[in-house]
Amino acid sequence: MDAILFLLFAAIAVACGINLVVQTHPISSALSLIGVMASLAVLYLLLGAEFMAAAQMIVYAGAIMVLFVFTIMLLNAGAEQRKGKSIIAKVLGVPALIAFLGLVSFLIQSLLPRSEEVKFGAFTGGTAQAIGKKLFTEYLLPFEVTSVLILVAILGAVVLARKEI
């Protein structure tokens, strides 16, 4: 049953990810990103990382997506204008994508070492204590740098959206 749920929510995450890129309206893309985040939270639950699943839903699907939608509304971004595609992109696009994905999958299969099989529910690093220790010891600098980058992005959006007097 775990494998079926994993495949189902992995397919939902991939479909929402593709929809995120294909959409022309930013709000629709943001909603697709919420679908990706929710699917990833379910995948974390299946792997036994309950705290990571809750954090995924609260932090990413909740707070960060509210920030994204607020920034989109602040910038008053409309739908993207479609332009004509070149004939080369129409003819070679799909075969080139298939060849690229085949090459990447071949390289991953041949260069990366084999790992042990994933056992659902066997992951023990998803507790609040384990994540807290890692976050505030080993990953403190990247955590703080990410916070500063998000702050700079918010300030940039406010400056871009400000009306000249």
Protein backbone atom coordinates (compact mmCIF):
# COMPACT_ATOMS: atom_id res chain seq x y z
CA MET A 1 0.00 0.00 0.00
CA ASP A 2 2.89 2.37 0.81
CA ALA A 3 4.39 1.91 -2.64
CA ILE A 4 1.07 2.69 -4.33
CA LEU A 5 0.60 5.86 -2.26
CA PHE A 6 4.21 6.85 -2.94
CA LEU A 7 3.77 6.46 -6.69
CA LEU A 8 0.43 8.28 -6.62
CA PHE A 9 1.73 11.33 -4.74
CA ALA A 10 5.00 11.34 -6.66
CA ALA A 11 2.97 11.49 -9.89
CA ILE A 12 0.85 14.31 -8.43
CA ALA A 13 4.01 16.22 -7.48
CA VAL A 14 5.47 15.81 -10.98
CA ALA A 15 2.18 16.79 -12.66
CA CYS A 16 1.86 19.90 -10.47
CA GLY A 17 5.50 20.73 -11.19
CA ILE A 18 4.93 20.52 -14.93
CA ASN A 19 1.77 22.60 -14.56
CA LEU A 20 3.78 25.15 -12.57
CA VAL A 21 6.10 25.71 -15.53
CA VAL A 22 3.41 25.58 -18.22
CA GLN A 23 0.99 28.10 -16.66
CA THR A 24 1.03 31.64 -18.02
CA HIS A 25 -0.69 33.30 -15.05
CA PRO A 26 1.44 33.67 -11.89
CA ILE A 27 -1.39 32.88 -9.46
CA SER A 28 -2.06 29.58 -11.23
CA SER A 29 1.64 28.78 -11.00
CA ALA A 30 1.61 29.55 -7.27
CA LEU A 31 -1.36 27.21 -6.76
CA SER A 32 0.47 24.48 -8.65
CA LEU A 33 3.45 25.02 -6.35
CA ILE A 34 1.14 24.49 -3.36
CA GLY A 35 0.15 21.16 -4.93
CA VAL A 36 3.82 20.19 -5.20
CA MET A 37 4.46 21.15 -1.58
CA ALA A 38 1.43 19.21 -0.31
CA SER A 39 2.46 16.11 -2.27
CA LEU A 40 5.97 16.34 -0.85
CA ALA A 41 4.51 16.55 2.66
CA VAL A 42 2.62 13.30 2.05
CA LEU A 43 5.82 11.70 0.76
CA TYR A 44 7.57 12.77 3.97
CA LEU A 45 4.76 11.17 5.97
CA LEU A 46 5.16 7.93 4.07
CA LEU A 47 8.87 7.91 4.88
CA GLY A 48 8.20 8.40 8.60
CA ALA A 49 9.28 12.03 8.89
CA GLU A 50 6.21 13.51 10.55
CA PHE A 51 7.91 16.70 11.72
CA MET A 52 9.29 17.39 8.24
CA ALA A 53 5.83 16.87 6.75
CA ALA A 54 4.26 19.31 9.21
CA ALA A 55 7.02 21.85 8.60
CA GLN A 56 6.58 21.43 4.85
CA MET A 57 2.89 22.26 5.10
CA ILE A 58 3.19 25.08 7.63
CA VAL A 59 6.32 26.81 6.37
CA TYR A 60 6.30 26.20 2.63
CA ALA A 61 2.70 25.55 1.60
CA GLY A 62 1.49 28.08 4.14
CA ALA A 63 3.82 30.96 4.89
CA ILE A 64 6.07 31.01 1.82
CA MET A 65 3.17 30.63 -0.59
CA VAL A 66 1.30 33.47 1.14
CA LEU A 67 4.44 35.54 0.65
CA PHE A 68 4.62 34.54 -3.04
CA VAL A 69 0.96 35.38 -3.65
CA PHE A 70 1.32 38.66 -1.75
CA THR A 71 4.36 39.58 -3.88
CA ILE A 72 2.52 38.65 -7.09
CA MET A 73 -0.43 40.80 -6.07
CA LEU A 74 1.88 43.63 -5.03
CA LEU A 75 3.61 43.60 -8.40
CA ASN A 76 0.22 43.35 -10.17
CA ALA A 77 1.58 40.70 -12.51
CA GLY A 78 -0.77 39.69 -15.29
CA ALA A 79 -0.80 36.72 -17.59
CA GLU A 80 2.25 36.19 -19.74
CA GLN A 81 1.90 37.11 -23.41
CA ARG A 82 2.36 34.20 -25.78
CA LYS A 83 4.80 34.63 -28.62
CA GLY A 84 5.15 32.56 -31.76
CA LYS A 85 7.49 29.60 -31.39
CA SER A 86 10.22 28.96 -33.88
CA ILE A 87 9.84 26.02 -36.25
CA ILE A 88 13.09 24.53 -34.94
CA ALA A 89 11.73 24.48 -31.39
CA LYS A 90 8.52 22.80 -32.56
CA VAL A 91 10.33 20.11 -34.55
CA LEU A 92 13.33 19.41 -32.31
CA GLY A 93 11.92 20.24 -28.86
CA VAL A 94 10.35 16.94 -27.82
CA PRO A 95 13.04 14.66 -29.33
CA ALA A 96 15.77 16.78 -27.75
CA LEU A 97 14.00 16.60 -24.38
CA ILE A 98 13.67 12.81 -24.62
CA ALA A 99 17.34 12.48 -25.59
CA PHE A 100 18.40 14.75 -22.71
CA LEU A 101 16.32 12.84 -20.15
CA GLY A 102 17.68 9.54 -21.47
CA LEU A 103 21.26 10.81 -21.19
CA VAL A 104 20.71 12.11 -17.66
CA SER A 105 19.08 8.86 -16.51
CA PHE A 106 21.92 6.83 -18.08
CA LEU A 107 24.54 8.96 -16.31
CA ILE A 108 22.72 8.66 -12.99
CA GLN A 109 22.44 4.88 -13.36
CA SER A 110 26.05 4.38 -14.40
CA LEU A 111 27.94 6.94 -12.26
CA LEU A 112 26.13 6.90 -8.93
CA PRO A 113 26.70 3.96 -6.60
CA ARG A 114 23.83 1.66 -5.76
CA SER A 115 22.12 2.48 -2.50
CA GLU A 116 20.10 0.29 -0.23
CA GLU A 117 16.38 -0.06 -0.78
CA VAL A 118 14.11 2.50 0.88
CA LYS A 119 12.03 1.08 3.69
CA PHE A 120 8.92 3.09 4.42
CA GLY A 121 8.79 4.35 8.01
CA ALA A 122 12.45 3.46 8.74
CA PHE A 123 13.76 7.03 8.56
CA THR A 124 14.75 8.29 12.01
CA GLY A 125 16.15 11.74 11.15
CA GLY A 126 12.80 13.48 10.82
CA THR A 127 12.11 14.19 14.47
CA ALA A 128 12.04 17.73 15.83
CA GLN A 129 15.10 17.07 17.99
CA ALA A 130 17.22 15.70 15.12
CA ILE A 131 16.27 18.52 12.77
CA GLY A 132 16.82 21.16 15.45
CA LYS A 133 20.31 19.86 16.22
CA LYS A 134 21.28 19.82 12.54
CA LEU A 135 19.69 23.19 11.77
CA PHE A 136 21.29 25.11 14.62
CA THR A 137 24.73 23.47 14.51
CA GLU A 138 25.74 22.16 11.11
CA TYR A 139 23.39 24.22 8.88
CA LEU A 140 23.17 27.51 10.81
CA LEU A 141 24.99 29.64 8.22
CA PRO A 142 22.91 28.46 5.20
CA PHE A 143 19.74 28.93 7.29
CA GLU A 144 20.64 32.53 8.11
CA VAL A 145 21.80 33.31 4.56
CA THR A 146 18.46 32.06 3.24
CA SER A 147 16.63 34.33 5.69
CA VAL A 148 18.62 37.34 4.48
CA LEU A 149 17.97 36.43 0.82
CA ILE A 150 14.22 36.24 1.45
CA LEU A 151 14.34 39.63 3.19
CA VAL A 152 16.21 41.16 0.24
CA ALA A 153 13.66 39.69 -2.18
CA ILE A 154 10.79 41.23 -0.22
CA LEU A 155 12.51 44.62 -0.16
CA GLY A 156 13.14 44.37 -3.90
CA ALA A 157 9.48 43.62 -4.56
CA VAL A 158 8.41 46.60 -2.48
CA VAL A 159 10.82 48.89 -4.34
CA LEU A 160 9.63 47.59 -7.72
CA ALA A 161 5.98 48.02 -6.80
CA ARG A 162 6.37 51.50 -5.32
CA LYS A 163 4.64 54.23 -7.32
CA GLU A 164 6.58 57.35 -8.21
CA ILE A 165 5.13 60.50 -6.65
